[in-house]
Amino acid sequence: MSPLANSWGTVAPRRWAVVVAAGVGKRMGSELPKQYLSLAGKPLLHRTLAPFLASPLVDAVVLVLAANDPYWPQLAISHAKLHCCTGGAERSLSVANALTYIVSQQGQAQDWVLIHDAARPCLSEGDLERLIITLTNHPVGGLLASPVADTLKRANDRAEVVATVDRSHLWRALTPQMFRLQLLQQALVAVQAAGVAVTDDASAVEYLGLRPALVLGKSSNLKVTLPADLLLAEQILAAATSGYGQ
């Protein structure tokens, strides 16, 4: 058997990273989409793409952009691994468009796809590597996640506490989320046909009755949503550069 052969009976599956950057980030209160805001001297999107473009474990990166995005051409980011495609009206449609693009680029059913939010610029190279290595032979796939550390309260409509929630088995879902190309396509088609709203790609896979694996990731892999998150992201990146938080 060829050293590149695997249990699928073909050459080793490729790994495609999909970075979803078609949103506008209205909660940031900025006319400029948040993925183009400055973060530690560079556009936030530049920070987000960096670990995928640098990783030898990622074969290609597909950046999903809004139709007629006027800002991306100004960044002048060029890389042999970088591809671009147009997103949809909502996140799940943007991911579906990316998967269709991957198929057009000779992507195979067994290839791995790592879906990542453009607004998560603090992904560490170590977490990315751990996710890929941990899931390489997993039958379903999975996602980076971190255990919930805070005490959780359930409230009523008057913002009064009605219960304290047991957090012992609760995790915060992060990205990337890594699944086989064909499986993820099937999952997205299923939830769209059923009219089921999902907030991440793992939810779509769960809808098929499957159980994605949780791979421990750093809680510093935050999603920039509000203006204060930019400052926190700068602090995280500065700590990583200085050797702390690795």
C-alpha atoms as a PDB file:
ATOM      1  CA  MET A   1       0.000   0.000   0.000  1.00  0.00           C
ATOM      2  CA  SER A   2       1.224   3.482  -0.828  1.00  0.00           C
ATOM      3  CA  PRO A   3       2.483   5.488   2.196  1.00  0.00           C
ATOM      4  CA  LEU A   4      -0.151   8.089   1.299  1.00  0.00           C
ATOM      5  CA  ALA A   5      -2.990   5.590   1.284  1.00  0.00           C
ATOM      6  CA  ASN A   6      -5.481   5.507   4.139  1.00  0.00           C
ATOM      7  CA  SER A   7      -8.655   3.778   5.298  1.00  0.00           C
ATOM      8  CA  TRP A   8     -10.637   5.447   2.483  1.00  0.00           C
ATOM      9  CA  GLY A   9      -8.528   3.521  -0.032  1.00  0.00           C
ATOM     10  CA  THR A  10      -7.262   6.704  -1.723  1.00  0.00           C
ATOM     11  CA  VAL A  11      -4.460   9.175  -1.227  1.00  0.00           C
ATOM     12  CA  ALA A  12      -4.473  11.034   2.074  1.00  0.00           C
ATOM     13  CA  PRO A  13      -7.363  13.530   2.321  1.00  0.00           C
ATOM     14  CA  ARG A  14      -6.501  17.164   1.868  1.00  0.00           C
ATOM     15  CA  ARG A  15      -7.304  19.763   4.513  1.00  0.00           C
ATOM     16  CA  TRP A  16      -9.137  22.901   3.441  1.00  0.00           C
ATOM     17  CA  ALA A  17      -9.573  25.835   5.799  1.00  0.00           C
ATOM     18  CA  VAL A  18     -12.685  27.958   5.184  1.00  0.00           C
ATOM     19  CA  VAL A  19     -12.621  31.439   6.728  1.00  0.00           C
ATOM     20  CA  VAL A  20     -16.095  33.007   6.709  1.00  0.00           C
ATOM     21  CA  ALA A  21     -15.787  36.775   6.207  1.00  0.00           C
ATOM     22  CA  ALA A  22     -19.015  37.718   4.431  1.00  0.00           C
ATOM     23  CA  GLY A  23     -20.682  39.415   7.419  1.00  0.00           C
ATOM     24  CA  VAL A  24     -20.825  43.089   8.322  1.00  0.00           C
ATOM     25  CA  GLY A  25     -20.634  42.915  12.132  1.00  0.00           C
ATOM     26  CA  LYS A  26     -23.343  45.467  12.927  1.00  0.00           C
ATOM     27  CA  ARG A  27     -22.811  45.243  16.699  1.00  0.00           C
ATOM     28  CA  MET A  28     -19.351  46.805  16.334  1.00  0.00           C
ATOM     29  CA  GLY A  29     -20.980  50.140  15.518  1.00  0.00           C
ATOM     30  CA  SER A  30     -18.543  50.740  12.662  1.00  0.00           C
ATOM     31  CA  GLU A  31     -19.189  51.464   8.986  1.00  0.00           C
ATOM     32  CA  LEU A  32     -16.157  49.335   8.198  1.00  0.00           C
ATOM     33  CA  PRO A  33     -16.868  45.579   8.538  1.00  0.00           C
ATOM     34  CA  LYS A  34     -15.127  44.304  11.649  1.00  0.00           C
ATOM     35  CA  GLN A  35     -12.863  41.918   9.730  1.00  0.00           C
ATOM     36  CA  TYR A  36     -11.150  44.973   8.234  1.00  0.00           C
ATOM     37  CA  LEU A  37     -10.700  46.951  11.447  1.00  0.00           C
ATOM     38  CA  SER A  38      -7.137  47.501  12.611  1.00  0.00           C
ATOM     39  CA  LEU A  39      -5.864  45.026  15.188  1.00  0.00           C
ATOM     40  CA  ALA A  40      -2.326  45.473  16.552  1.00  0.00           C
ATOM     41  CA  GLY A  41      -1.288  47.353  13.431  1.00  0.00           C
ATOM     42  CA  LYS A  42      -2.800  45.010  10.839  1.00  0.00           C
ATOM     43  CA  PRO A  43      -6.329  44.330   9.569  1.00  0.00           C
ATOM     44  CA  LEU A  44      -8.127  41.838  11.798  1.00  0.00           C
ATOM     45  CA  LEU A  45      -8.641  39.522   8.809  1.00  0.00           C
ATOM     46  CA  HIS A  46      -4.882  39.410   8.254  1.00  0.00           C
ATOM     47  CA  ARG A  47      -4.461  38.110  11.818  1.00  0.00           C
ATOM     48  CA  THR A  48      -7.188  35.520  11.302  1.00  0.00           C
ATOM     49  CA  LEU A  49      -5.727  34.123   8.081  1.00  0.00           C
ATOM     50  CA  ALA A  50      -2.139  33.967   9.337  1.00  0.00           C
ATOM     51  CA  PRO A  51      -2.137  30.633  11.248  1.00  0.00           C
ATOM     52  CA  PHE A  52      -3.859  28.799   8.386  1.00  0.00           C
ATOM     53  CA  LEU A  53      -1.550  30.175   5.720  1.00  0.00           C
ATOM     54  CA  ALA A  54       1.484  29.340   7.861  1.00  0.00           C
ATOM     55  CA  SER A  55       0.452  25.809   8.848  1.00  0.00           C
ATOM     56  CA  PRO A  56       2.032  22.940   6.891  1.00  0.00           C
ATOM     57  CA  LEU A  57      -1.004  20.855   7.920  1.00  0.00           C
ATOM     58  CA  VAL A  58      -3.408  23.045   5.906  1.00  0.00           C
ATOM     59  CA  ASP A  59      -3.340  22.501   2.150  1.00  0.00           C
ATOM     60  CA  ALA A  60      -5.569  25.382   1.025  1.00  0.00           C
ATOM     61  CA  VAL A  61      -7.477  28.314   2.499  1.00  0.00           C
ATOM     62  CA  VAL A  62     -10.840  29.448   1.088  1.00  0.00           C
ATOM     63  CA  LEU A  63     -11.847  32.960   2.115  1.00  0.00           C
ATOM     64  CA  VAL A  64     -15.594  33.604   1.846  1.00  0.00           C
ATOM     65  CA  LEU A  65     -16.337  37.247   1.031  1.00  0.00           C
ATOM     66  CA  ALA A  66     -19.473  39.321   0.579  1.00  0.00           C
ATOM     67  CA  ALA A  67     -20.485  39.942  -3.018  1.00  0.00           C
ATOM     68  CA  ASN A  68     -18.653  42.985  -4.441  1.00  0.00           C
ATOM     69  CA  ASP A  69     -16.623  43.425  -1.247  1.00  0.00           C
ATOM     70  CA  PRO A  70     -14.770  46.728  -1.825  1.00  0.00           C
ATOM     71  CA  TYR A  71     -12.312  46.305   1.048  1.00  0.00           C
ATOM     72  CA  TRP A  72     -10.611  42.989   0.333  1.00  0.00           C
ATOM     73  CA  PRO A  73      -8.739  44.169  -2.821  1.00  0.00           C
ATOM     74  CA  GLN A  74      -7.137  46.926  -0.751  1.00  0.00           C
ATOM     75  CA  LEU A  75      -5.474  44.409   1.572  1.00  0.00           C
ATOM     76  CA  ALA A  76      -3.360  42.995  -1.254  1.00  0.00           C
ATOM     77  CA  ILE A  77      -2.860  39.672   0.560  1.00  0.00           C
ATOM     78  CA  SER A  78      -1.492  37.119  -1.873  1.00  0.00           C
ATOM     79  CA  HIS A  79      -0.543  33.536  -1.049  1.00  0.00           C
ATOM     80  CA  ALA A  80      -0.285  30.349  -3.069  1.00  0.00           C
ATOM     81  CA  LYS A  81      -2.718  28.578  -0.708  1.00  0.00           C
ATOM     82  CA  LEU A  82      -5.337  31.349  -0.684  1.00  0.00           C
ATOM     83  CA  HIS A  83      -8.581  31.129  -2.693  1.00  0.00           C
ATOM     84  CA  CYS A  84     -11.671  33.363  -2.567  1.00  0.00           C
ATOM     85  CA  CYS A  85     -15.365  32.741  -3.161  1.00  0.00           C
ATOM     86  CA  THR A  86     -18.605  34.643  -2.618  1.00  0.00           C
ATOM     87  CA  GLY A  87     -20.763  34.086   0.452  1.00  0.00           C
ATOM     88  CA  GLY A  88     -24.519  33.909   0.928  1.00  0.00           C
ATOM     89  CA  ALA A  89     -27.210  35.788   2.807  1.00  0.00           C
ATOM     90  CA  GLU A  90     -26.448  33.943   6.045  1.00  0.00           C
ATOM     91  CA  ARG A  91     -23.518  32.068   7.522  1.00  0.00           C
ATOM     92  CA  SER A  92     -24.684  28.544   6.675  1.00  0.00           C
ATOM     93  CA  LEU A  93     -25.199  29.554   3.040  1.00  0.00           C
ATOM     94  CA  SER A  94     -21.720  31.076   2.959  1.00  0.00           C
ATOM     95  CA  VAL A  95     -20.263  27.800   4.208  1.00  0.00           C
ATOM     96  CA  ALA A  96     -22.308  25.869   1.637  1.00  0.00           C
ATOM     97  CA  ASN A  97     -20.942  28.118  -1.109  1.00  0.00           C
ATOM     98  CA  ALA A  98     -17.407  27.450   0.094  1.00  0.00           C
ATOM     99  CA  LEU A  99     -17.978  23.696  -0.012  1.00  0.00           C
ATOM    100  CA  THR A 100     -19.307  23.964  -3.564  1.00  0.00           C
ATOM    101  CA  TYR A 101     -16.188  25.926  -4.486  1.00  0.00           C
ATOM    102  CA  ILE A 102     -13.957  23.258  -2.938  1.00  0.00           C
ATOM    103  CA  VAL A 103     -15.682  20.586  -5.021  1.00  0.00           C
ATOM    104  CA  SER A 104     -15.016  22.713  -8.122  1.00  0.00           C
ATOM    105  CA  GLN A 105     -11.329  22.662  -7.164  1.00  0.00           C
ATOM    106  CA  GLN A 106     -11.217  18.841  -7.142  1.00  0.00           C
ATOM    107  CA  GLY A 107     -12.069  18.532  -3.470  1.00  0.00           C
ATOM    108  CA  GLN A 108     -12.960  14.939  -2.603  1.00  0.00           C
ATOM    109  CA  ALA A 109     -15.683  13.558  -0.329  1.00  0.00           C
ATOM    110  CA  GLN A 110     -13.165  12.443   2.298  1.00  0.00           C
ATOM    111  CA  ASP A 111     -11.260  15.749   2.421  1.00  0.00           C
ATOM    112  CA  TRP A 112     -11.322  17.588   5.726  1.00  0.00           C
ATOM    113  CA  VAL A 113     -12.780  21.090   5.938  1.00  0.00           C
ATOM    114  CA  LEU A 114     -11.959  23.411   8.855  1.00  0.00           C
ATOM    115  CA  ILE A 115     -14.563  26.179   9.195  1.00  0.00           C
ATOM    116  CA  HIS A 116     -13.347  29.269  11.050  1.00  0.00           C
ATOM    117  CA  ASP A 117     -14.940  32.624  11.911  1.00  0.00           C
ATOM    118  CA  ALA A 118     -13.128  35.596  10.386  1.00  0.00           C
ATOM    119  CA  ALA A 119     -13.792  37.443  13.665  1.00  0.00           C
ATOM    120  CA  ARG A 120     -11.567  35.027  15.646  1.00  0.00           C
ATOM    121  CA  PRO A 121      -8.066  36.491  15.147  1.00  0.00           C
ATOM    122  CA  CYS A 122      -6.428  34.887  18.201  1.00  0.00           C
ATOM    123  CA  LEU A 123      -6.318  31.218  17.173  1.00  0.00           C
ATOM    124  CA  SER A 124      -3.005  29.759  18.290  1.00  0.00           C
ATOM    125  CA  GLU A 125      -0.901  27.572  16.013  1.00  0.00           C
ATOM    126  CA  GLY A 126      -0.822  24.974  18.794  1.00  0.00           C
ATOM    127  CA  ASP A 127      -4.616  24.740  18.978  1.00  0.00           C
ATOM    128  CA  LEU A 128      -4.872  24.438  15.210  1.00  0.00           C
ATOM    129  CA  GLU A 129      -2.324  21.639  15.156  1.00  0.00           C
ATOM    130  CA  ARG A 130      -3.992  19.831  18.085  1.00  0.00           C
ATOM    131  CA  LEU A 131      -7.377  19.935  16.370  1.00  0.00           C
ATOM    132  CA  ILE A 132      -6.051  18.493  13.126  1.00  0.00           C
ATOM    133  CA  ILE A 133      -3.958  15.753  14.707  1.00  0.00           C
ATOM    134  CA  THR A 134      -6.673  14.736  17.174  1.00  0.00           C
ATOM    135  CA  LEU A 135      -9.371  14.406  14.511  1.00  0.00           C
ATOM    136  CA  THR A 136      -7.357  12.946  11.629  1.00  0.00           C
ATOM    137  CA  ASN A 137      -8.817   9.447  12.114  1.00  0.00           C
ATOM    138  CA  HIS A 138     -12.046  10.403  13.864  1.00  0.00           C
ATOM    139  CA  PRO A 139     -15.213   8.987  12.240  1.00  0.00           C
ATOM    140  CA  VAL A 140     -17.216  12.220  12.620  1.00  0.00           C
ATOM    141  CA  GLY A 141     -14.933  15.193  13.200  1.00  0.00           C
ATOM    142  CA  GLY A 142     -15.255  17.846  15.852  1.00  0.00           C
ATOM    143  CA  LEU A 143     -14.422  21.313  17.064  1.00  0.00           C
ATOM    144  CA  LEU A 144     -12.228  23.334  19.347  1.00  0.00           C
ATOM    145  CA  ALA A 145     -14.029  24.087  22.609  1.00  0.00           C
ATOM    146  CA  SER A 146     -13.299  25.211  26.135  1.00  0.00           C
ATOM    147  CA  PRO A 147     -15.028  24.114  29.359  1.00  0.00           C
ATOM    148  CA  VAL A 148     -17.361  26.693  30.873  1.00  0.00           C
ATOM    149  CA  ALA A 149     -15.680  28.249  33.905  1.00  0.00           C
ATOM    150  CA  ASP A 150     -18.331  30.708  35.087  1.00  0.00           C
ATOM    151  CA  THR A 151     -21.341  29.936  37.249  1.00  0.00           C
ATOM    152  CA  LEU A 152     -24.378  29.899  34.962  1.00  0.00           C
ATOM    153  CA  LYS A 153     -27.843  31.184  35.869  1.00  0.00           C
ATOM    154  CA  ARG A 154     -31.136  30.536  34.095  1.00  0.00           C
ATOM    155  CA  ALA A 155     -33.430  33.569  34.097  1.00  0.00           C
ATOM    156  CA  ASN A 156     -37.095  34.291  33.573  1.00  0.00           C
ATOM    157  CA  ASP A 157     -38.552  37.048  31.389  1.00  0.00           C
ATOM    158  CA  ARG A 158     -37.971  39.591  34.198  1.00  0.00           C
ATOM    159  CA  ALA A 159     -34.241  38.843  34.374  1.00  0.00           C
ATOM    160  CA  GLU A 160     -34.635  37.065  37.698  1.00  0.00           C
ATOM    161  CA  VAL A 161     -32.695  33.917  38.549  1.00  0.00           C
ATOM    162  CA  VAL A 162     -34.830  30.789  38.436  1.00  0.00           C
ATOM    163  CA  ALA A 163     -32.017  28.203  38.605  1.00  0.00           C
ATOM    164  CA  THR A 164     -28.277  27.692  38.763  1.00  0.00           C
ATOM    165  CA  VAL A 165     -27.196  25.505  35.848  1.00  0.00           C
ATOM    166  CA  ASP A 166     -24.826  22.576  36.354  1.00  0.00           C
ATOM    167  CA  ARG A 167     -21.762  23.479  34.286  1.00  0.00           C
ATOM    168  CA  SER A 168     -19.863  20.201  34.724  1.00  0.00           C
ATOM    169  CA  HIS A 169     -20.601  19.035  31.164  1.00  0.00           C
ATOM    170  CA  LEU A 170     -20.895  22.417  29.433  1.00  0.00           C
ATOM    171  CA  TRP A 171     -18.381  23.677  26.875  1.00  0.00           C
ATOM    172  CA  ARG A 172     -18.046  26.883  24.844  1.00  0.00           C
ATOM    173  CA  ALA A 173     -17.990  26.086  21.141  1.00  0.00           C
ATOM    174  CA  LEU A 174     -15.053  27.704  19.325  1.00  0.00           C
ATOM    175  CA  THR A 175     -13.727  27.479  15.788  1.00  0.00           C
ATOM    176  CA  PRO A 176     -12.254  25.944  13.689  1.00  0.00           C
ATOM    177  CA  GLN A 177     -14.771  23.120  13.402  1.00  0.00           C
ATOM    178  CA  MET A 178     -13.461  20.222  11.326  1.00  0.00           C
ATOM    179  CA  PHE A 179     -15.562  17.759   9.308  1.00  0.00           C
ATOM    180  CA  ARG A 180     -15.360  15.707   6.114  1.00  0.00           C
ATOM    181  CA  LEU A 181     -16.443  17.600   3.011  1.00  0.00           C
ATOM    182  CA  GLN A 182     -19.251  15.234   2.037  1.00  0.00           C
ATOM    183  CA  LEU A 183     -20.579  14.889   5.585  1.00  0.00           C
ATOM    184  CA  LEU A 184     -20.721  18.641   6.100  1.00  0.00           C
ATOM    185  CA  GLN A 185     -22.501  19.130   2.783  1.00  0.00           C
ATOM    186  CA  GLN A 186     -25.084  16.519   3.754  1.00  0.00           C
ATOM    187  CA  ALA A 187     -25.585  18.131   7.159  1.00  0.00           C
ATOM    188  CA  LEU A 188     -26.124  21.625   5.753  1.00  0.00           C
ATOM    189  CA  VAL A 189     -28.569  20.357   3.132  1.00  0.00           C
ATOM    190  CA  ALA A 190     -30.510  18.490   5.841  1.00  0.00           C
ATOM    191  CA  VAL A 191     -30.939  21.470   8.178  1.00  0.00           C
ATOM    192  CA  GLN A 192     -31.812  23.823   5.340  1.00  0.00           C
ATOM    193  CA  ALA A 193     -34.444  21.398   4.012  1.00  0.00           C
ATOM    194  CA  ALA A 194     -35.917  21.030   7.499  1.00  0.00           C
ATOM    195  CA  GLY A 195     -35.860  24.775   8.181  1.00  0.00           C
ATOM    196  CA  VAL A 196     -33.717  24.218  11.261  1.00  0.00           C
ATOM    197  CA  ALA A 197     -31.693  27.221  12.410  1.00  0.00           C
ATOM    198  CA  VAL A 198     -28.154  26.331  13.472  1.00  0.00           C
ATOM    199  CA  THR A 199     -25.571  28.623  15.008  1.00  0.00           C
ATOM    200  CA  ASP A 200     -22.493  26.621  14.045  1.00  0.00           C
ATOM    201  CA  ASP A 201     -21.457  23.800  11.728  1.00  0.00           C
ATOM    202  CA  ALA A 202     -21.285  21.237  14.528  1.00  0.00           C
ATOM    203  CA  SER A 203     -24.999  21.815  15.173  1.00  0.00           C
ATOM    204  CA  ALA A 204     -25.762  20.784  11.605  1.00  0.00           C
ATOM    205  CA  VAL A 205     -23.747  17.587  12.013  1.00  0.00           C
ATOM    206  CA  GLU A 206     -25.491  16.906  15.328  1.00  0.00           C
ATOM    207  CA  TYR A 207     -28.816  17.171  13.502  1.00  0.00           C
ATOM    208  CA  LEU A 208     -27.821  14.015  11.597  1.00  0.00           C
ATOM    209  CA  GLY A 209     -27.613  12.170  14.913  1.00  0.00           C
ATOM    210  CA  LEU A 210     -23.817  12.244  15.059  1.00  0.00           C
ATOM    211  CA  ARG A 211     -21.582  13.275  17.955  1.00  0.00           C
ATOM    212  CA  PRO A 212     -18.721  15.624  17.092  1.00  0.00           C
ATOM    213  CA  ALA A 213     -15.664  15.427  19.308  1.00  0.00           C
ATOM    214  CA  LEU A 214     -14.704  18.297  21.614  1.00  0.00           C
ATOM    215  CA  VAL A 215     -11.024  19.193  21.354  1.00  0.00           C
ATOM    216  CA  LEU A 216      -9.678  21.367  24.154  1.00  0.00           C
ATOM    217  CA  GLY A 217      -8.848  24.854  22.944  1.00  0.00           C
ATOM    218  CA  LYS A 218      -7.739  28.064  24.611  1.00  0.00           C
ATOM    219  CA  SER A 219     -10.463  30.397  25.860  1.00  0.00           C
ATOM    220  CA  SER A 220      -8.358  33.235  24.405  1.00  0.00           C
ATOM    221  CA  ASN A 221      -9.671  32.207  20.974  1.00  0.00           C
ATOM    222  CA  LEU A 222     -12.340  34.888  21.328  1.00  0.00           C
ATOM    223  CA  LYS A 223     -14.798  36.144  18.738  1.00  0.00           C
ATOM    224  CA  VAL A 224     -14.577  39.894  18.227  1.00  0.00           C
ATOM    225  CA  THR A 225     -18.158  41.133  18.452  1.00  0.00           C
ATOM    226  CA  LEU A 226     -18.131  44.394  20.431  1.00  0.00           C
ATOM    227  CA  PRO A 227     -15.636  47.295  20.411  1.00  0.00           C
ATOM    228  CA  ALA A 228     -14.171  46.202  23.769  1.00  0.00           C
ATOM    229  CA  ASP A 229     -13.258  42.855  22.224  1.00  0.00           C
ATOM    230  CA  LEU A 230     -10.702  44.557  19.968  1.00  0.00           C
ATOM    231  CA  LEU A 231      -8.714  45.760  22.963  1.00  0.00           C
ATOM    232  CA  LEU A 232      -8.855  42.314  24.550  1.00  0.00           C
ATOM    233  CA  ALA A 233      -7.714  40.720  21.293  1.00  0.00           C
ATOM    234  CA  GLU A 234      -4.753  43.107  21.153  1.00  0.00           C
ATOM    235  CA  GLN A 235      -3.771  42.105  24.674  1.00  0.00           C
ATOM    236  CA  ILE A 236      -4.017  38.397  23.787  1.00  0.00           C
ATOM    237  CA  LEU A 237      -1.866  38.839  20.697  1.00  0.00           C
ATOM    238  CA  ALA A 238       0.687  40.890  22.617  1.00  0.00           C
ATOM    239  CA  ALA A 239       0.895  38.176  25.284  1.00  0.00           C
ATOM    240  CA  ALA A 240       1.373  35.512  22.612  1.00  0.00           C
ATOM    241  CA  THR A 241       4.149  37.518  20.954  1.00  0.00           C
ATOM    242  CA  SER A 242       5.954  37.986  24.263  1.00  0.00           C
ATOM    243  CA  GLY A 243       5.771  34.266  25.033  1.00  0.00           C
ATOM    244  CA  TYR A 244       2.922  34.373  27.537  1.00  0.00           C
ATOM    245  CA  GLY A 245      -0.325  32.522  27.012  1.00  0.00           C
ATOM    246  CA  GLN A 246       1.220  29.897  24.742  1.00  0.00           C
END
